[in-house]
C-alpha atoms as a PDB file:
ATOM      1  CA  MET A   1       0.279   0.061   0.057  1.00  0.00           C
ATOM      2  CA  LEU A   2       1.063   3.135  -0.781  1.00  0.00           C
ATOM      3  CA  GLU A   3       0.927   6.364   1.428  1.00  0.00           C
ATOM      4  CA  VAL A   4       0.688  10.383   0.163  1.00  0.00           C
ATOM      5  CA  ILE A   5       0.512  12.662   3.064  1.00  0.00           C
ATOM      6  CA  VAL A   6      -0.116  16.559   1.626  1.00  0.00           C
ATOM      7  CA  PRO A   7      -0.290  19.531   3.991  1.00  0.00           C
ATOM      8  CA  ALA A   8      -2.478  22.148   4.042  1.00  0.00           C
ATOM      9  CA  THR A   9      -1.849  25.457   1.939  1.00  0.00           C
ATOM     10  CA  SER A  10      -2.498  29.080   2.644  1.00  0.00           C
ATOM     11  CA  ALA A  11      -2.464  31.092  -0.459  1.00  0.00           C
ATOM     12  CA  ASN A  12      -1.759  34.950  -1.388  1.00  0.00           C
ATOM     13  CA  ILE A  13      -0.745  35.549   2.499  1.00  0.00           C
ATOM     14  CA  GLY A  14      -2.398  38.927   2.477  1.00  0.00           C
ATOM     15  CA  PRO A  15      -0.587  40.937  -0.941  1.00  0.00           C
ATOM     16  CA  GLY A  16       1.085  38.267  -2.214  1.00  0.00           C
ATOM     17  CA  TYR A  17      -2.156  37.603  -4.555  1.00  0.00           C
ATOM     18  CA  ASP A  18      -1.152  34.072  -6.702  1.00  0.00           C
ATOM     19  CA  CYS A  19       2.411  34.014  -6.062  1.00  0.00           C
ATOM     20  CA  LEU A  20       2.877  33.401  -2.015  1.00  0.00           C
ATOM     21  CA  GLY A  21       2.059  30.276  -0.509  1.00  0.00           C
ATOM     22  CA  ILE A  22       2.754  28.532   2.811  1.00  0.00           C
ATOM     23  CA  ALA A  23       2.530  24.920   3.514  1.00  0.00           C
ATOM     24  CA  LEU A  24       0.769  24.074   6.945  1.00  0.00           C
ATOM     25  CA  ASN A  25       1.203  21.319   9.298  1.00  0.00           C
ATOM     26  CA  LEU A  26      -2.567  20.288   9.173  1.00  0.00           C
ATOM     27  CA  TYR A  27      -3.165  17.047   6.210  1.00  0.00           C
ATOM     28  CA  ASN A  28      -4.728  14.933   4.116  1.00  0.00           C
ATOM     29  CA  LYS A  29      -3.637  11.370   3.914  1.00  0.00           C
ATOM     30  CA  PHE A  30      -4.551   9.340   0.904  1.00  0.00           C
ATOM     31  CA  TYR A  31      -4.042   5.330  -0.015  1.00  0.00           C
ATOM     32  CA  PHE A  32      -3.356   3.908  -3.064  1.00  0.00           C
ATOM     33  CA  CYS A  33      -3.519   0.028  -3.856  1.00  0.00           C
ATOM     34  CA  GLU A  34      -3.512  -1.208  -7.287  1.00  0.00           C
ATOM     35  CA  ILE A  35      -6.358  -3.751  -7.679  1.00  0.00           C
ATOM     36  CA  GLU A  36      -7.607  -6.265 -10.529  1.00  0.00           C
ATOM     37  CA  LYS A  37      -9.773  -4.126 -12.241  1.00  0.00           C
ATOM     38  CA  GLY A  38     -12.033  -0.984 -11.743  1.00  0.00           C
ATOM     39  CA  LEU A  39     -11.781   1.936  -9.086  1.00  0.00           C
ATOM     40  CA  ILE A  40     -12.473   1.877  -5.849  1.00  0.00           C
ATOM     41  CA  ILE A  41     -12.966   5.468  -3.564  1.00  0.00           C
ATOM     42  CA  ASP A  42     -12.801   5.218  -0.034  1.00  0.00           C
ATOM     43  CA  GLU A  43     -14.279   8.825   0.933  1.00  0.00           C
ATOM     44  CA  LYS A  44     -16.531  10.293   3.808  1.00  0.00           C
ATOM     45  CA  GLU A  45     -18.160  12.669   1.669  1.00  0.00           C
ATOM     46  CA  GLU A  46     -20.486  10.949  -0.761  1.00  0.00           C
ATOM     47  CA  GLU A  47     -20.426  13.287  -3.675  1.00  0.00           C
ATOM     48  CA  TYR A  48     -16.606  12.356  -4.269  1.00  0.00           C
ATOM     49  CA  ILE A  49     -17.005   8.766  -4.549  1.00  0.00           C
ATOM     50  CA  ASN A  50     -16.793   8.747  -8.782  1.00  0.00           C
ATOM     51  CA  LYS A  51     -14.785   9.237 -11.425  1.00  0.00           C
ATOM     52  CA  ASP A  52     -14.379  13.089 -10.980  1.00  0.00           C
ATOM     53  CA  ASN A  53     -12.861  12.424  -7.586  1.00  0.00           C
ATOM     54  CA  LEU A  54      -9.817  15.033  -8.048  1.00  0.00           C
ATOM     55  CA  VAL A  55      -7.568  12.594  -7.065  1.00  0.00           C
ATOM     56  CA  TYR A  56      -8.252   9.899  -9.521  1.00  0.00           C
ATOM     57  CA  LYS A  57      -8.451  12.791 -12.269  1.00  0.00           C
ATOM     58  CA  SER A  58      -4.917  13.825 -11.166  1.00  0.00           C
ATOM     59  CA  MET A  59      -3.929  10.332 -11.606  1.00  0.00           C
ATOM     60  CA  MET A  60      -5.521  10.061 -15.018  1.00  0.00           C
ATOM     61  CA  TYR A  61      -4.162  13.178 -16.028  1.00  0.00           C
ATOM     62  CA  PHE A  62      -0.434  12.012 -15.428  1.00  0.00           C
ATOM     63  CA  PHE A  63      -1.054   8.451 -17.394  1.00  0.00           C
ATOM     64  CA  ASN A  64      -2.397  10.114 -20.486  1.00  0.00           C
ATOM     65  CA  LYS A  65      -0.195  12.830 -20.138  1.00  0.00           C
ATOM     66  CA  ILE A  66       3.290  10.859 -19.574  1.00  0.00           C
ATOM     67  CA  LYS A  67       1.815   7.770 -20.942  1.00  0.00           C
ATOM     68  CA  PRO A  68       4.247   5.045 -19.083  1.00  0.00           C
ATOM     69  CA  LYS A  69       4.362   1.753 -20.363  1.00  0.00           C
ATOM     70  CA  LYS A  70       2.838   0.693 -16.681  1.00  0.00           C
ATOM     71  CA  ILE A  71      -0.667   1.755 -15.786  1.00  0.00           C
ATOM     72  CA  PRO A  72      -2.405   0.323 -12.718  1.00  0.00           C
ATOM     73  CA  LYS A  73      -5.316  -2.426 -14.440  1.00  0.00           C
ATOM     74  CA  GLY A  74      -7.695  -0.889 -11.300  1.00  0.00           C
ATOM     75  CA  ILE A  75      -7.073   1.434  -8.693  1.00  0.00           C
ATOM     76  CA  LYS A  76      -8.284   1.517  -4.776  1.00  0.00           C
ATOM     77  CA  ILE A  77      -7.886   4.906  -3.037  1.00  0.00           C
ATOM     78  CA  LYS A  78      -8.645   5.954   0.808  1.00  0.00           C
ATOM     79  CA  ILE A  79      -8.968   9.415   1.302  1.00  0.00           C
ATOM     80  CA  VAL A  80      -8.399  10.682   5.461  1.00  0.00           C
ATOM     81  CA  ASP A  81      -8.850  14.254   5.091  1.00  0.00           C
ATOM     82  CA  ASP A  82      -7.956  16.454   7.828  1.00  0.00           C
ATOM     83  CA  VAL A  83      -8.109  19.953   5.530  1.00  0.00           C
ATOM     84  CA  PRO A  84     -11.467  21.498   5.288  1.00  0.00           C
ATOM     85  CA  ILE A  85     -12.984  21.713   1.738  1.00  0.00           C
ATOM     86  CA  SER A  86     -13.363  24.962   0.276  1.00  0.00           C
ATOM     87  CA  ARG A  87     -12.470  26.901   2.730  1.00  0.00           C
ATOM     88  CA  GLY A  88      -9.142  28.548   1.393  1.00  0.00           C
ATOM     89  CA  LEU A  89      -6.688  25.888   2.654  1.00  0.00           C
ATOM     90  CA  GLY A  90      -5.624  24.365  -0.738  1.00  0.00           C
ATOM     91  CA  SER A  91      -7.488  20.956   0.240  1.00  0.00           C
ATOM     92  CA  SER A  92      -7.717  20.785  -3.895  1.00  0.00           C
ATOM     93  CA  ALA A  93      -3.846  21.368  -4.102  1.00  0.00           C
ATOM     94  CA  THR A  94      -3.780  18.013  -1.664  1.00  0.00           C
ATOM     95  CA  CYS A  95      -5.646  16.122  -4.002  1.00  0.00           C
ATOM     96  CA  ILE A  96      -3.974  16.969  -7.062  1.00  0.00           C
ATOM     97  CA  VAL A  97      -0.461  16.243  -5.387  1.00  0.00           C
ATOM     98  CA  ALA A  98      -1.648  13.051  -4.463  1.00  0.00           C
ATOM     99  CA  GLY A  99      -2.630  12.143  -7.479  1.00  0.00           C
ATOM    100  CA  LEU A 100       0.131  12.969  -9.263  1.00  0.00           C
ATOM    101  CA  LEU A 101       2.616  11.539  -6.916  1.00  0.00           C
ATOM    102  CA  ALA A 102       0.778   8.377  -6.557  1.00  0.00           C
ATOM    103  CA  ALA A 103       0.640   7.636 -10.406  1.00  0.00           C
ATOM    104  CA  ASN A 104       4.162   8.324 -10.211  1.00  0.00           C
ATOM    105  CA  TYR A 105       4.968   5.580  -8.152  1.00  0.00           C
ATOM    106  CA  LEU A 106       2.402   3.099  -9.154  1.00  0.00           C
ATOM    107  CA  SER A 107       3.605   3.814 -13.045  1.00  0.00           C
ATOM    108  CA  ASN A 108       7.082   3.448 -12.288  1.00  0.00           C
ATOM    109  CA  SER A 109       7.976   7.018 -13.668  1.00  0.00           C
ATOM    110  CA  HIS A 110      10.113   8.226 -11.346  1.00  0.00           C
ATOM    111  CA  LEU A 111       9.596  11.756 -12.454  1.00  0.00           C
ATOM    112  CA  ASP A 112      11.246  14.308  -9.971  1.00  0.00           C
ATOM    113  CA  LYS A 113       9.354  17.203  -8.100  1.00  0.00           C
ATOM    114  CA  SER A 114       9.845  19.769 -10.641  1.00  0.00           C
ATOM    115  CA  GLU A 115       8.332  17.675 -13.261  1.00  0.00           C
ATOM    116  CA  ILE A 116       5.366  16.899 -10.495  1.00  0.00           C
ATOM    117  CA  LEU A 117       5.027  20.511 -10.232  1.00  0.00           C
ATOM    118  CA  LYS A 118       4.680  21.131 -13.925  1.00  0.00           C
ATOM    119  CA  LEU A 119       1.707  18.979 -14.163  1.00  0.00           C
ATOM    120  CA  ALA A 120       0.402  20.084 -11.068  1.00  0.00           C
ATOM    121  CA  THR A 121       0.440  23.991 -11.675  1.00  0.00           C
ATOM    122  CA  GLU A 122      -1.178  22.734 -15.172  1.00  0.00           C
ATOM    123  CA  ILE A 123      -4.099  20.847 -13.626  1.00  0.00           C
ATOM    124  CA  GLU A 124      -4.543  23.851 -10.922  1.00  0.00           C
ATOM    125  CA  GLY A 125      -3.896  26.670 -13.471  1.00  0.00           C
ATOM    126  CA  HIS A 126      -1.267  28.359 -11.171  1.00  0.00           C
ATOM    127  CA  PRO A 127       1.680  27.271  -8.803  1.00  0.00           C
ATOM    128  CA  ASP A 128       1.013  29.148  -5.692  1.00  0.00           C
ATOM    129  CA  ASN A 129      -0.905  26.086  -3.466  1.00  0.00           C
ATOM    130  CA  VAL A 130       0.570  23.258  -5.471  1.00  0.00           C
ATOM    131  CA  THR A 131       4.163  24.527  -4.800  1.00  0.00           C
ATOM    132  CA  PRO A 132       4.543  24.750  -1.328  1.00  0.00           C
ATOM    133  CA  ALA A 133       2.240  21.589  -0.768  1.00  0.00           C
ATOM    134  CA  LEU A 134       5.224  19.544  -2.835  1.00  0.00           C
ATOM    135  CA  TYR A 135       8.025  21.194  -1.357  1.00  0.00           C
ATOM    136  CA  GLY A 136       7.090  22.742   2.343  1.00  0.00           C
ATOM    137  CA  ASN A 137       7.683  26.076   3.763  1.00  0.00           C
ATOM    138  CA  MET A 138       6.806  29.694   2.046  1.00  0.00           C
ATOM    139  CA  ILE A 139       7.204  29.778  -1.052  1.00  0.00           C
ATOM    140  CA  ILE A 140       7.188  32.355  -4.130  1.00  0.00           C
ATOM    141  CA  SER A 141       6.328  31.168  -7.229  1.00  0.00           C
ATOM    142  CA  LEU A 142       5.494  32.265 -10.845  1.00  0.00           C
ATOM    143  CA  ILE A 143       5.382  31.324 -13.965  1.00  0.00           C
ATOM    144  CA  GLU A 144       8.048  32.670 -16.712  1.00  0.00           C
ATOM    145  CA  ASP A 145       8.232  31.563 -20.616  1.00  0.00           C
ATOM    146  CA  ASN A 146       6.006  28.287 -19.247  1.00  0.00           C
ATOM    147  CA  LYS A 147       8.730  27.333 -16.950  1.00  0.00           C
ATOM    148  CA  ILE A 148       8.226  27.570 -13.202  1.00  0.00           C
ATOM    149  CA  ILE A 149      10.257  29.791 -11.185  1.00  0.00           C
ATOM    150  CA  HIS A 150       9.949  29.612  -7.588  1.00  0.00           C
ATOM    151  CA  ASP A 151      12.249  29.872  -4.083  1.00  0.00           C
ATOM    152  CA  THR A 152      11.900  29.616  -0.330  1.00  0.00           C
ATOM    153  CA  ILE A 153      11.217  32.046   2.696  1.00  0.00           C
ATOM    154  CA  LYS A 154      12.316  30.825   5.511  1.00  0.00           C
ATOM    155  CA  ILE A 155       9.463  31.920   8.618  1.00  0.00           C
ATOM    156  CA  PRO A 156      10.803  32.121  11.971  1.00  0.00           C
ATOM    157  CA  GLU A 157       9.654  29.277  14.011  1.00  0.00           C
ATOM    158  CA  ILE A 158       8.097  31.016  16.521  1.00  0.00           C
ATOM    159  CA  ILE A 159       5.012  31.848  14.109  1.00  0.00           C
ATOM    160  CA  ARG A 160       1.760  30.572  14.791  1.00  0.00           C
ATOM    161  CA  PHE A 161      -0.982  30.293  11.837  1.00  0.00           C
ATOM    162  CA  CYS A 162      -4.316  30.565  13.512  1.00  0.00           C
ATOM    163  CA  ALA A 163      -6.727  29.338  10.804  1.00  0.00           C
ATOM    164  CA  ILE A 164      -9.702  30.678  11.662  1.00  0.00           C
ATOM    165  CA  ILE A 165     -12.778  28.742   9.837  1.00  0.00           C
ATOM    166  CA  PRO A 166     -16.252  29.071   9.571  1.00  0.00           C
ATOM    167  CA  ASP A 167     -18.766  26.244   8.708  1.00  0.00           C
ATOM    168  CA  PHE A 168     -19.617  27.519   5.349  1.00  0.00           C
ATOM    169  CA  GLU A 169     -18.240  27.303   2.287  1.00  0.00           C
ATOM    170  CA  LEU A 170     -16.722  29.883  -0.218  1.00  0.00           C
ATOM    171  CA  SER A 171     -16.029  28.651  -4.131  1.00  0.00           C
ATOM    172  CA  THR A 172     -12.930  29.705  -5.633  1.00  0.00           C
ATOM    173  CA  GLU A 173     -15.328  30.205  -8.601  1.00  0.00           C
ATOM    174  CA  LYS A 174     -17.178  32.436  -6.692  1.00  0.00           C
ATOM    175  CA  ALA A 175     -13.901  34.661  -5.215  1.00  0.00           C
ATOM    176  CA  ARG A 176     -12.545  35.085  -8.376  1.00  0.00           C
ATOM    177  CA  SER A 177     -16.052  36.338  -9.933  1.00  0.00           C
ATOM    178  CA  VAL A 178     -15.573  39.417  -8.033  1.00  0.00           C
ATOM    179  CA  LEU A 179     -12.336  40.854  -8.465  1.00  0.00           C
ATOM    180  CA  PRO A 180     -11.804  43.592 -10.673  1.00  0.00           C
ATOM    181  CA  LYS A 181     -10.265  43.099 -14.143  1.00  0.00           C
ATOM    182  CA  THR A 182      -8.011  46.002 -14.432  1.00  0.00           C
ATOM    183  CA  ILE A 183      -6.386  47.812 -10.924  1.00  0.00           C
ATOM    184  CA  ASP A 184      -5.128  51.022 -10.483  1.00  0.00           C
ATOM    185  CA  HIS A 185      -1.363  52.084 -10.429  1.00  0.00           C
ATOM    186  CA  LYS A 186      -1.793  53.042  -6.813  1.00  0.00           C
ATOM    187  CA  ASP A 187      -3.061  49.918  -5.639  1.00  0.00           C
ATOM    188  CA  GLY A 188      -0.007  47.826  -7.443  1.00  0.00           C
ATOM    189  CA  VAL A 189       2.286  50.174  -6.153  1.00  0.00           C
ATOM    190  CA  PHE A 190       0.589  49.471  -2.605  1.00  0.00           C
ATOM    191  CA  ASN A 191       0.998  45.667  -2.899  1.00  0.00           C
ATOM    192  CA  VAL A 192       4.200  45.388  -4.185  1.00  0.00           C
ATOM    193  CA  SER A 193       5.622  47.535  -1.510  1.00  0.00           C
ATOM    194  CA  ARG A 194       3.411  45.030   1.258  1.00  0.00           C
ATOM    195  CA  ALA A 195       4.796  41.931  -0.497  1.00  0.00           C
ATOM    196  CA  THR A 196       8.340  43.073  -0.553  1.00  0.00           C
ATOM    197  CA  LEU A 197       7.905  44.434   3.401  1.00  0.00           C
ATOM    198  CA  LEU A 198       6.333  41.223   4.169  1.00  0.00           C
ATOM    199  CA  VAL A 199       9.090  38.859   3.014  1.00  0.00           C
ATOM    200  CA  THR A 200      11.852  41.044   4.727  1.00  0.00           C
ATOM    201  CA  ALA A 201       9.876  40.830   7.880  1.00  0.00           C
ATOM    202  CA  PHE A 202       9.737  36.993   7.789  1.00  0.00           C
ATOM    203  CA  MET A 203      13.497  36.736   6.795  1.00  0.00           C
ATOM    204  CA  ASN A 204      14.621  39.409   9.200  1.00  0.00           C
ATOM    205  CA  LYS A 205      12.173  38.597  11.579  1.00  0.00           C
ATOM    206  CA  ASN A 206      11.145  41.784  12.560  1.00  0.00           C
ATOM    207  CA  LEU A 207       7.473  40.748  13.691  1.00  0.00           C
ATOM    208  CA  ASP A 208       6.270  44.032  13.888  1.00  0.00           C
ATOM    209  CA  LEU A 209       6.258  45.111  10.632  1.00  0.00           C
ATOM    210  CA  LEU A 210       3.518  41.924   9.590  1.00  0.00           C
ATOM    211  CA  LYS A 211       0.218  44.071  10.551  1.00  0.00           C
ATOM    212  CA  ILE A 212       1.180  46.674   7.782  1.00  0.00           C
ATOM    213  CA  ALA A 213       2.707  44.075   5.483  1.00  0.00           C
ATOM    214  CA  CYS A 214      -0.485  41.496   5.447  1.00  0.00           C
ATOM    215  CA  LYS A 215      -2.403  44.647   4.031  1.00  0.00           C
ATOM    216  CA  ASP A 216      -3.811  44.233   0.693  1.00  0.00           C
ATOM    217  CA  LYS A 217      -5.917  46.199  -2.724  1.00  0.00           C
ATOM    218  CA  PHE A 218      -5.760  43.421  -4.753  1.00  0.00           C
ATOM    219  CA  HIS A 219      -8.215  40.848  -3.683  1.00  0.00           C
ATOM    220  CA  GLN A 220      -9.428  41.074   0.069  1.00  0.00           C
ATOM    221  CA  ASP A 221     -11.523  43.869  -0.257  1.00  0.00           C
ATOM    222  CA  TYR A 222     -13.529  42.728  -3.072  1.00  0.00           C
ATOM    223  CA  ARG A 223     -13.871  39.214  -1.279  1.00  0.00           C
ATOM    224  CA  SER A 224     -14.699  39.879   2.096  1.00  0.00           C
ATOM    225  CA  PRO A 225     -18.060  41.102   1.710  1.00  0.00           C
ATOM    226  CA  LEU A 226     -18.800  37.001   0.695  1.00  0.00           C
ATOM    227  CA  ILE A 227     -17.852  36.205   4.180  1.00  0.00           C
ATOM    228  CA  LYS A 228     -20.148  37.110   6.850  1.00  0.00           C
ATOM    229  CA  ASP A 229     -18.918  38.396   9.955  1.00  0.00           C
ATOM    230  CA  TYR A 230     -15.457  39.267   7.911  1.00  0.00           C
ATOM    231  CA  ASP A 231     -14.542  42.667   9.100  1.00  0.00           C
ATOM    232  CA  LYS A 232     -16.021  41.540  13.331  1.00  0.00           C
ATOM    233  CA  VAL A 233     -13.400  38.673  13.151  1.00  0.00           C
ATOM    234  CA  VAL A 234     -10.329  40.741  11.428  1.00  0.00           C
ATOM    235  CA  ASN A 235     -11.155  43.708  13.903  1.00  0.00           C
ATOM    236  CA  HIS A 236     -11.185  41.598  17.311  1.00  0.00           C
ATOM    237  CA  ALA A 237      -8.343  39.720  16.052  1.00  0.00           C
ATOM    238  CA  ASN A 238      -6.272  43.175  15.992  1.00  0.00           C
ATOM    239  CA  LYS A 239      -7.977  44.420  19.306  1.00  0.00           C
ATOM    240  CA  LEU A 240      -6.179  41.075  20.666  1.00  0.00           C
ATOM    241  CA  ASN A 241      -2.756  41.913  18.911  1.00  0.00           C
ATOM    242  CA  ALA A 242      -2.606  39.589  16.119  1.00  0.00           C
ATOM    243  CA  LEU A 243       0.525  40.116  14.319  1.00  0.00           C
ATOM    244  CA  GLY A 244      -1.062  40.270  11.386  1.00  0.00           C
ATOM    245  CA  THR A 245      -4.400  39.142   9.677  1.00  0.00           C
ATOM    246  CA  PHE A 246      -5.319  38.264   6.443  1.00  0.00           C
ATOM    247  CA  LEU A 247      -7.867  36.207   3.792  1.00  0.00           C
ATOM    248  CA  SER A 248      -6.566  32.331   3.720  1.00  0.00           C
ATOM    249  CA  GLY A 249      -6.141  31.791  -0.276  1.00  0.00           C
ATOM    250  CA  ALA A 250     -10.073  32.603  -1.616  1.00  0.00           C
ATOM    251  CA  GLY A 251     -11.347  32.719   1.974  1.00  0.00           C
ATOM    252  CA  PRO A 252     -13.602  31.842   3.712  1.00  0.00           C
ATOM    253  CA  THR A 253     -11.153  30.988   6.166  1.00  0.00           C
ATOM    254  CA  ILE A 254      -9.151  34.007   8.165  1.00  0.00           C
ATOM    255  CA  MET A 255      -5.387  33.619   9.048  1.00  0.00           C
ATOM    256  CA  SER A 256      -3.974  35.283  12.177  1.00  0.00           C
ATOM    257  CA  LEU A 257      -0.347  35.411  13.107  1.00  0.00           C
ATOM    258  CA  THR A 258       0.520  35.051  16.626  1.00  0.00           C
ATOM    259  CA  THR A 259       3.515  33.723  18.262  1.00  0.00           C
ATOM    260  CA  ASP A 260       4.242  30.824  20.812  1.00  0.00           C
ATOM    261  CA  ASP A 261       4.331  32.994  23.290  1.00  0.00           C
ATOM    262  CA  ASP A 262       1.216  34.582  22.982  1.00  0.00           C
ATOM    263  CA  THR A 263      -1.079  32.133  25.286  1.00  0.00           C
ATOM    264  CA  LYS A 264      -3.997  34.167  25.244  1.00  0.00           C
ATOM    265  CA  PHE A 265      -4.927  34.436  21.668  1.00  0.00           C
ATOM    266  CA  ILE A 266      -6.505  31.157  21.095  1.00  0.00           C
ATOM    267  CA  ASP A 267      -8.846  31.179  23.873  1.00  0.00           C
ATOM    268  CA  GLU A 268     -10.213  35.116  23.454  1.00  0.00           C
ATOM    269  CA  MET A 269     -10.615  34.439  19.961  1.00  0.00           C
ATOM    270  CA  GLU A 270     -12.908  31.093  20.716  1.00  0.00           C
ATOM    271  CA  SER A 271     -14.759  33.410  23.023  1.00  0.00           C
ATOM    272  CA  PHE A 272     -15.561  35.923  20.662  1.00  0.00           C
ATOM    273  CA  LEU A 273     -16.453  33.608  18.124  1.00  0.00           C
ATOM    274  CA  SER A 274     -18.932  31.782  20.148  1.00  0.00           C
ATOM    275  CA  THR A 275     -20.953  34.905  20.266  1.00  0.00           C
ATOM    276  CA  LEU A 276     -21.455  34.835  16.225  1.00  0.00           C
ATOM    277  CA  ASP A 277     -24.330  33.079  14.325  1.00  0.00           C
ATOM    278  CA  ASP A 278     -21.905  30.900  12.453  1.00  0.00           C
ATOM    279  CA  LYS A 279     -19.945  28.081  13.883  1.00  0.00           C
ATOM    280  CA  TRP A 280     -15.988  29.081  13.796  1.00  0.00           C
ATOM    281  CA  ILE A 281     -13.594  26.700  15.014  1.00  0.00           C
ATOM    282  CA  ILE A 282      -9.294  27.705  15.191  1.00  0.00           C
ATOM    283  CA  LYS A 283      -6.654  25.144  14.232  1.00  0.00           C
ATOM    284  CA  ASP A 284      -3.302  26.237  15.762  1.00  0.00           C
ATOM    285  CA  LEU A 285      -0.812  25.425  12.986  1.00  0.00           C
ATOM    286  CA  HIS A 286       2.997  26.458  12.391  1.00  0.00           C
ATOM    287  CA  CYS A 287       4.649  25.826   8.938  1.00  0.00           C
ATOM    288  CA  ASP A 288       5.209  22.815   7.438  1.00  0.00           C
ATOM    289  CA  LEU A 289       8.581  22.282   6.376  1.00  0.00           C
ATOM    290  CA  LYS A 290       8.856  18.952   4.628  1.00  0.00           C
ATOM    291  CA  GLY A 291       5.688  19.095   1.846  1.00  0.00           C
ATOM    292  CA  ALA A 292       4.137  16.151   0.335  1.00  0.00           C
ATOM    293  CA  ARG A 293       5.486  12.776   1.062  1.00  0.00           C
ATOM    294  CA  VAL A 294       5.248   9.570   0.462  1.00  0.00           C
ATOM    295  CA  ASN A 295       5.339   6.194   2.107  1.00  0.00           C
ATOM    296  CA  ILE A 296       5.518   2.336   1.336  1.00  0.00           C
ATOM    297  CA  LEU A 297       3.661   0.592   4.014  1.00  0.00           C
ATOM    298  CA  ASP A 298       3.380  -3.253   4.826  1.00  0.00           C
END
């Protein structure tokens, strides 16, 4: 049996729209077995037990694109998913990466991670989530001349990523539909300066700069009205002296940065969240440094 473990990711991180992403220590686990024929999917969500399952579709994409000599006659997939779906935490990226890594192993194709990344980006459409899902850490990624360029940004170990997750979903398609087709020059300058500051603040451990560096003009102002009580949650996080707060991916998860020394933030935020109409939970997370991994089980 093949086990593939893929971390959740948070993309954009404020001003880094479609280019910044970070892997987090929250994981989806996938188990693969070759069987005589057909497809068996063991998954708690019934709507994903079919050939449209993104893990399976990613495997088929691999086989059709790479055309390996060995293709399994049948596949059994078991999914143990701890990453919430449609919450802006990269659940789709975990499925894509897992499917590609499994197909790579089961077909004896021996593609390296850079080749897997290329396929994952073709499926996902952009590399901001799949790159940290594969490699771990915080990563800046972009496409230049059809090549994926990426580099790692070291995050201070003391940083906690407090994922504030509501019990309602927000589809990426809907979140993208509200974005403007063009942006003002001043907004471009605003985001370039903040994104640059965000990187240097992390690298130089100037954590007091993160509150300013997490500000954004590209997407958060347009998407936040889609998220009930967004302003209340962000304002309260600021009141509790979060280092910075931003929309995780396309939302609706809101991410607040604190440090391991801050022992009050989560308890006080949970107390506040309990007063809201919808149910919100907080996951206390840190940066994952390893990215996706493949294990061979007995």
